Amino acid sequence: MNASELGLPMAVPAEGLPARVRIHEVGARDGLQNEKQTVPTAVKAEFVRRLAGTGLTTIEATSFVHPKWVPQLADAEDLFPAVSDLPVDLPVLVPNERGLDRALALGARRVAVFASATESFAKANLNRTVDEALAMFEPVVARAKEQGVHVRGYLSMCFGDPWEGAVPVPQVVRVCRALLDMGCDELSLGDTIGVATPGHVTALIGALTQAGVPVPALGVHFHDTYGQALSNTLAALQQGVTTVDASAGGLGGCPYAKSATGNLATEDLVWMLQGLGIDTGVDLGRLVATSVWMAAHLGRPSPSRTVRALSHQES
C-alpha cells in the first residue's frame, strides 16, 4: 500500500497557522534555468501542463531575459503561447522594459522583476548597483500597472550573500519598501544561498511588518542548501505568510550564486502542509508522477525526499 492509502501523512493541525497556502510553483522557470543541457520547448510545455493538472494555481512559466544571459529560457516566445490557454496564473520574469514589451505582446497578465538586497549580487546578476536596478524597474512596474498587470518583486539575498556574508535586516527592509512603493503587488523574500534559519525569518518578517509592509503581500522563497527550507517555511507561516515558492522535484539553483543548491521541493512542502491540515489544492500523487517524469527527461533522479519515498513505494 502507498502512503495515501495508509492515511499518511496524518493531519494534525497546529495553532497559529493559516488554513490555506498558495504555492507559487517555480520549477518550469527557476527549476530549469540552470540546466546545462537544453530542455526542448515541447518538454517544458508538457511539464507546465502536467503541473497545472496537479491543482497548482500559480506556475511560473518562463523569463523574458536576453537569451545570452539565460540560454535555457531563450524559447520564451515559443513556450508561453503553448501554455497560455491553461486556467492557471502564469507569471513570467521581465528584467527591463524590453522584456516587458515581449511579455505583454504575448498576453502575459502577471510579471515579476528581480532585485537584490546586496550590492555584490546586484552587480553580478544585473550589472548595476541596488539603487540603479530599482531605478530600472520603476518604469517597468509603472507600465505593467497601467496595463492592469499583476507585478511580483523578487528580492534575492535577503538572508545572506556569498560575497558579503550576513545581510543586515534594515538593508532588506529598505529594498522591500522601495519595491512596494513603486507599485509591486507582491514580494518574494529570497534565501538565494539557503543560509536562513527560523529565528532570522521571524525577525525579518517582524521588521517588515513594523515598516508597514503587509504580511499578505509577502511570499517566501527558500533554498535547501543547509536543510533549513521547511523549518524556515514553517517559521514564515507562523508569522502569517500564506504564499510559498517551491519547485517541483526540488529542481533549480541560481546561475549567479554558485553556492545555491536546489529550491524547496514542492512535494516536500505539500507533505508537510498536508500533515499540518493546511489546504493547498494540490494532488500529491500527480505531482510526484510529474516530477518523476521530468527527472527521466533530465536523466537523473529527483532530489526531493518525498518524490523518492513515494515513487519507491508505488513502484
Protein backbone atom coordinates (compact mmCIF):
# COMPACT_ATOMS: atom_id res chain seq x y z
CA MET A 1 0.00 0.00 0.00
CA ASN A 2 1.14 3.54 -0.69
CA ALA A 3 1.21 6.38 1.83
CA SER A 4 -2.12 7.94 0.84
CA GLU A 5 -3.90 4.57 1.13
CA LEU A 6 -2.45 4.27 4.63
CA GLY A 7 -3.80 7.71 5.53
CA LEU A 8 -0.35 9.30 5.62
CA PRO A 9 0.67 11.88 6.47
CA MET A 10 -1.83 12.03 9.34
CA ALA A 11 -3.23 15.54 9.53
CA VAL A 12 -2.51 17.09 12.93
CA PRO A 13 -3.17 20.85 12.82
CA ALA A 14 -1.06 23.25 14.84
CA GLU A 15 -2.25 26.54 16.30
CA GLY A 16 -1.42 29.84 14.69
CA LEU A 17 -1.10 28.59 11.11
CA PRO A 18 -3.09 29.59 8.01
CA ALA A 19 -5.91 27.36 6.76
CA ARG A 20 -4.67 27.53 3.18
CA VAL A 21 -1.34 28.17 1.45
CA ARG A 22 -0.88 29.19 -2.16
CA ILE A 23 2.13 27.51 -3.71
CA HIS A 24 3.97 29.63 -6.27
CA GLU A 25 5.46 26.90 -8.44
CA VAL A 26 8.82 27.87 -9.95
CA GLY A 27 10.02 24.55 -11.38
CA ALA A 28 9.48 25.39 -15.03
CA ARG A 29 11.47 28.63 -14.77
CA ASP A 30 13.78 28.75 -11.75
CA GLY A 31 14.00 24.96 -11.72
CA LEU A 32 15.12 24.58 -15.31
CA GLN A 33 17.05 27.80 -15.95
CA ASN A 34 20.34 26.38 -14.68
CA GLU A 35 20.20 23.12 -16.65
CA LYS A 36 23.25 22.83 -18.87
CA GLN A 37 21.58 20.66 -21.48
CA THR A 38 18.82 22.44 -23.40
CA VAL A 39 15.37 21.15 -22.47
CA PRO A 40 13.14 21.04 -25.58
CA THR A 41 10.30 23.55 -25.65
CA ALA A 42 7.75 20.77 -26.04
CA VAL A 43 9.01 19.10 -22.87
CA LYS A 44 8.82 22.38 -20.94
CA ALA A 45 5.28 22.97 -22.18
CA GLU A 46 4.24 19.47 -21.17
CA PHE A 47 5.85 20.00 -17.77
CA VAL A 48 3.76 23.15 -17.22
CA ARG A 49 0.62 21.34 -18.38
CA ARG A 50 1.26 18.43 -16.04
CA LEU A 51 1.92 20.82 -13.16
CA ALA A 52 -1.40 22.54 -13.89
CA GLY A 53 -3.05 19.11 -13.74
CA THR A 54 -1.90 18.64 -10.14
CA GLY A 55 -4.04 21.50 -8.84
CA LEU A 56 -1.29 24.12 -8.68
CA THR A 57 -2.81 27.52 -9.47
CA THR A 58 0.34 29.63 -9.95
CA ILE A 59 3.04 28.27 -12.25
CA GLU A 60 5.92 30.49 -13.26
CA ALA A 61 6.29 29.75 -16.94
CA THR A 62 9.50 31.37 -18.21
CA SER A 63 11.64 34.50 -18.26
CA PHE A 64 11.91 37.20 -20.90
CA VAL A 65 15.57 37.89 -20.26
CA HIS A 66 18.11 38.19 -23.07
CA PRO A 67 18.98 34.67 -24.30
CA LYS A 68 22.68 35.43 -23.80
CA TRP A 69 22.18 35.59 -20.03
CA VAL A 70 19.93 32.56 -19.59
CA PRO A 71 20.20 30.39 -22.73
CA GLN A 72 17.86 27.73 -21.32
CA LEU A 73 14.96 30.21 -21.47
CA ALA A 74 15.67 31.53 -24.96
CA ASP A 75 12.43 29.92 -26.16
CA ALA A 76 10.11 32.15 -24.10
CA GLU A 77 8.30 33.42 -27.22
CA ASP A 78 7.52 29.84 -28.24
CA LEU A 79 6.80 28.40 -24.81
CA PHE A 80 4.37 30.98 -23.43
CA PRO A 81 1.80 30.71 -26.26
CA ALA A 82 1.97 26.92 -25.92
CA VAL A 83 0.66 27.07 -22.35
CA SER A 84 -1.27 30.35 -22.19
CA ASP A 85 -4.62 28.57 -22.60
CA LEU A 86 -4.25 26.89 -19.21
CA PRO A 87 -6.71 28.04 -16.49
CA VAL A 88 -3.91 28.98 -14.07
CA ASP A 89 -1.81 32.06 -13.37
CA LEU A 90 1.39 32.02 -15.46
CA PRO A 91 3.80 34.67 -14.16
CA VAL A 92 6.92 35.48 -16.21
CA LEU A 93 10.11 37.31 -15.29
CA VAL A 94 10.89 40.59 -17.04
CA PRO A 95 14.28 42.25 -16.39
CA ASN A 96 13.59 45.55 -18.14
CA GLU A 97 11.18 47.38 -20.45
CA ARG A 98 12.19 45.30 -23.45
CA GLY A 99 11.35 42.14 -21.53
CA LEU A 100 8.03 43.65 -20.51
CA ASP A 101 7.25 44.51 -24.13
CA ARG A 102 7.88 40.90 -25.16
CA ALA A 103 5.72 39.54 -22.35
CA LEU A 104 2.82 41.94 -22.96
CA ALA A 105 2.88 41.19 -26.67
CA LEU A 106 2.06 37.57 -25.83
CA GLY A 107 -0.72 38.47 -23.41
CA ALA A 108 1.07 37.91 -20.10
CA ARG A 109 -1.00 39.19 -17.17
CA ARG A 110 1.46 38.54 -14.35
CA VAL A 111 5.09 39.63 -14.44
CA ALA A 112 7.96 39.73 -11.98
CA VAL A 113 11.04 41.91 -11.59
CA PHE A 114 14.08 40.67 -9.70
CA ALA A 115 16.06 42.91 -7.37
CA SER A 116 18.85 42.28 -4.88
CA ALA A 117 19.24 43.21 -1.23
CA THR A 118 23.03 43.39 -1.65
CA GLU A 119 25.37 45.38 -3.87
CA SER A 120 27.53 42.37 -4.75
CA PHE A 121 24.66 40.30 -6.11
CA ALA A 122 23.11 43.30 -7.88
CA LYS A 123 26.44 43.72 -9.69
CA ALA A 124 26.75 40.00 -10.52
CA ASN A 125 23.14 39.50 -11.58
CA LEU A 126 22.16 42.87 -13.08
CA ASN A 127 25.48 44.68 -13.57
CA ARG A 128 24.07 47.60 -11.57
CA THR A 129 24.03 48.94 -8.04
CA VAL A 130 20.96 48.20 -5.93
CA ASP A 131 19.59 51.69 -6.49
CA GLU A 132 20.37 51.65 -10.22
CA ALA A 133 18.44 48.39 -10.50
CA LEU A 134 15.49 49.87 -8.63
CA ALA A 135 15.53 52.87 -10.97
CA MET A 136 15.49 50.49 -13.94
CA PHE A 137 12.45 48.69 -12.54
CA GLU A 138 10.37 51.81 -11.87
CA PRO A 139 9.16 52.33 -15.46
CA VAL A 140 8.69 48.57 -15.89
CA VAL A 141 6.41 48.36 -12.86
CA ALA A 142 4.60 51.58 -13.76
CA ARG A 143 3.85 50.44 -17.31
CA ALA A 144 2.75 47.00 -16.15
CA LYS A 145 0.35 48.52 -13.62
CA GLU A 146 -1.04 50.87 -16.29
CA GLN A 147 -1.92 47.72 -18.26
CA GLY A 148 -3.62 46.15 -15.24
CA VAL A 149 -0.87 43.53 -14.92
CA HIS A 150 -0.01 41.97 -11.54
CA VAL A 151 3.63 42.61 -10.55
CA ARG A 152 5.72 40.50 -8.23
CA GLY A 153 9.03 41.76 -6.88
CA TYR A 154 11.67 39.11 -6.25
CA LEU A 155 14.31 40.09 -3.74
CA SER A 156 17.46 37.97 -3.69
CA MET A 157 20.00 37.59 -0.86
CA CYS A 158 17.58 38.50 1.94
CA PHE A 159 19.36 36.31 4.49
CA GLY A 160 22.97 36.08 3.36
CA ASP A 161 25.28 36.80 0.45
CA PRO A 162 28.19 34.64 -0.81
CA TRP A 163 30.44 37.72 -1.11
CA GLU A 164 29.23 39.95 1.72
CA GLY A 165 28.15 37.39 4.30
CA ALA A 166 25.39 38.39 6.71
CA VAL A 167 22.86 40.88 5.33
CA PRO A 168 21.51 43.43 7.86
CA VAL A 169 17.74 43.24 8.25
CA PRO A 170 17.25 47.03 7.73
CA GLN A 171 19.03 46.74 4.38
CA VAL A 172 16.47 44.16 3.23
CA VAL A 173 13.58 46.20 4.59
CA ARG A 174 14.73 49.28 2.63
CA VAL A 175 14.67 47.48 -0.72
CA CYS A 176 11.35 45.76 0.06
CA ARG A 177 9.80 49.11 0.87
CA ALA A 178 11.17 50.58 -2.39
CA LEU A 179 9.65 47.75 -4.44
CA LEU A 180 6.27 48.13 -2.75
CA ASP A 181 6.34 51.91 -3.10
CA MET A 182 6.94 51.67 -6.85
CA GLY A 183 3.82 49.54 -7.19
CA CYS A 184 4.70 45.86 -6.74
CA ASP A 185 1.67 43.87 -5.63
CA GLU A 186 3.67 41.09 -4.03
CA LEU A 187 7.19 40.49 -2.72
CA SER A 188 9.11 37.22 -2.65
CA LEU A 189 11.80 37.09 0.05
CA GLY A 190 14.64 35.03 -1.40
CA ASP A 191 17.09 32.94 0.61
CA THR A 192 19.20 32.56 -2.50
CA ILE A 193 22.05 30.57 -0.95
CA GLY A 194 19.96 28.77 1.65
CA VAL A 195 21.57 30.17 4.80
CA ALA A 196 18.45 31.38 6.64
CA THR A 197 17.33 29.92 9.96
CA PRO A 198 13.87 30.23 11.56
CA GLY A 199 14.75 33.00 14.01
CA HIS A 200 16.15 35.10 11.18
CA VAL A 201 12.97 34.55 9.15
CA THR A 202 10.81 35.61 12.09
CA ALA A 203 12.93 38.71 12.70
CA LEU A 204 12.84 39.83 9.06
CA ILE A 205 9.08 39.43 8.71
CA GLY A 206 8.61 41.27 12.00
CA ALA A 207 10.80 44.14 10.81
CA LEU A 208 8.92 44.32 7.51
CA THR A 209 5.61 44.47 9.38
CA GLN A 210 6.91 47.32 11.52
CA ALA A 211 7.93 49.13 8.33
CA GLY A 212 4.37 48.94 7.05
CA VAL A 213 4.81 46.01 4.66
CA PRO A 214 1.57 43.98 4.82
CA VAL A 215 2.15 40.28 5.50
CA PRO A 216 -0.41 39.23 2.83
CA ALA A 217 1.90 40.84 0.24
CA LEU A 218 4.81 38.57 1.24
CA GLY A 219 5.91 35.27 -0.20
CA VAL A 220 8.97 33.25 0.79
CA HIS A 221 11.49 31.53 -1.45
CA PHE A 222 13.85 29.18 0.39
CA HIS A 223 16.72 27.11 -0.93
CA ASP A 224 17.60 23.93 0.93
CA THR A 225 21.40 24.26 0.93
CA TYR A 226 21.67 23.58 4.66
CA GLY A 227 18.46 21.59 5.02
CA GLN A 228 16.56 24.52 6.52
CA ALA A 229 13.93 25.24 3.86
CA LEU A 230 10.98 23.52 5.55
CA SER A 231 11.77 24.83 9.04
CA ASN A 232 12.12 28.33 7.60
CA THR A 233 8.81 27.93 5.77
CA LEU A 234 7.08 26.91 8.99
CA ALA A 235 8.50 29.99 10.72
CA ALA A 236 7.10 32.17 7.93
CA LEU A 237 3.68 30.51 8.18
CA GLN A 238 3.67 31.21 11.91
CA GLN A 239 4.09 34.89 11.03
CA GLY A 240 1.03 34.80 8.76
CA VAL A 241 2.68 34.28 5.36
CA THR A 242 0.42 32.29 3.01
CA THR A 243 2.43 32.27 -0.24
CA VAL A 244 5.36 29.87 -0.55
CA ASP A 245 7.60 29.42 -3.58
CA ALA A 246 8.63 25.86 -4.38
CA SER A 247 9.99 23.85 -7.27
CA ALA A 248 8.59 20.51 -8.40
CA GLY A 249 11.10 17.78 -7.68
CA GLY A 250 13.44 20.25 -5.96
CA LEU A 251 14.84 21.43 -9.28
CA GLY A 252 16.93 24.55 -9.56
CA GLY A 253 19.65 26.74 -8.18
CA CYS A 254 20.94 30.13 -9.22
CA PRO A 255 23.35 30.70 -12.13
CA TYR A 256 24.88 33.75 -10.43
CA ALA A 257 25.38 32.23 -6.98
CA LYS A 258 27.40 29.04 -7.20
CA SER A 259 26.71 28.04 -3.59
CA ALA A 260 22.96 28.00 -4.22
CA THR A 261 21.61 24.46 -4.39
CA GLY A 262 18.10 23.34 -5.14
CA ASN A 263 14.89 25.08 -4.28
CA LEU A 264 12.49 23.75 -1.69
CA ALA A 265 10.82 20.76 -3.35
CA THR A 266 7.10 21.28 -3.89
CA GLU A 267 6.37 17.69 -2.87
CA ASP A 268 8.23 18.07 0.44
CA LEU A 269 6.27 21.26 1.10
CA VAL A 270 2.92 19.64 0.27
CA TRP A 271 3.70 16.66 2.53
CA MET A 272 4.40 18.99 5.45
CA LEU A 273 1.32 21.14 4.79
CA GLN A 274 -0.94 18.10 4.47
CA GLY A 275 0.39 16.87 7.81
CA LEU A 276 -0.50 20.23 9.33
CA GLY A 277 -4.01 20.10 7.88
CA ILE A 278 -3.29 23.09 5.62
CA ASP A 279 -5.11 23.11 2.28
CA THR A 280 -3.07 23.58 -0.92
CA GLY A 281 -5.45 22.16 -3.52
CA VAL A 282 -2.58 20.01 -4.83
CA ASP A 283 -2.83 16.30 -5.63
CA LEU A 284 0.45 14.96 -4.23
CA GLY A 285 0.33 11.73 -6.22
CA ARG A 286 0.00 13.58 -9.53
CA LEU A 287 2.74 15.99 -8.50
CA VAL A 288 5.14 13.15 -7.69
CA ALA A 289 4.35 11.50 -11.02
CA THR A 290 5.08 14.77 -12.80
CA SER A 291 8.45 15.15 -11.11
CA VAL A 292 9.38 11.53 -11.85
CA TRP A 293 8.50 12.18 -15.50
CA MET A 294 10.63 15.35 -15.58
CA ALA A 295 13.52 13.63 -13.82
CA ALA A 296 13.51 10.97 -16.55
CA HIS A 297 13.84 13.70 -19.19
CA LEU A 298 16.75 15.25 -17.28
CA GLY A 299 18.42 11.88 -16.84
CA ARG A 300 18.76 11.90 -13.06
CA PRO A 301 16.61 11.16 -10.00
CA SER A 302 14.73 13.91 -8.23
CA PRO A 303 16.46 15.30 -5.13
CA SER A 304 13.08 15.59 -3.39
CA ARG A 305 12.88 13.19 -0.45
CA THR A 306 9.11 12.91 -0.84
CA VAL A 307 9.39 12.11 -4.54
CA ARG A 308 11.92 9.39 -3.79
CA ALA A 309 9.88 7.92 -0.94
CA LEU A 310 6.55 7.87 -2.75
CA SER A 311 7.82 6.80 -6.16
CA HIS A 312 9.68 3.93 -4.46
CA GLN A 313 6.58 2.89 -2.56
CA GLU A 314 4.48 2.92 -5.69
CA SER A 315 6.94 1.07 -7.91
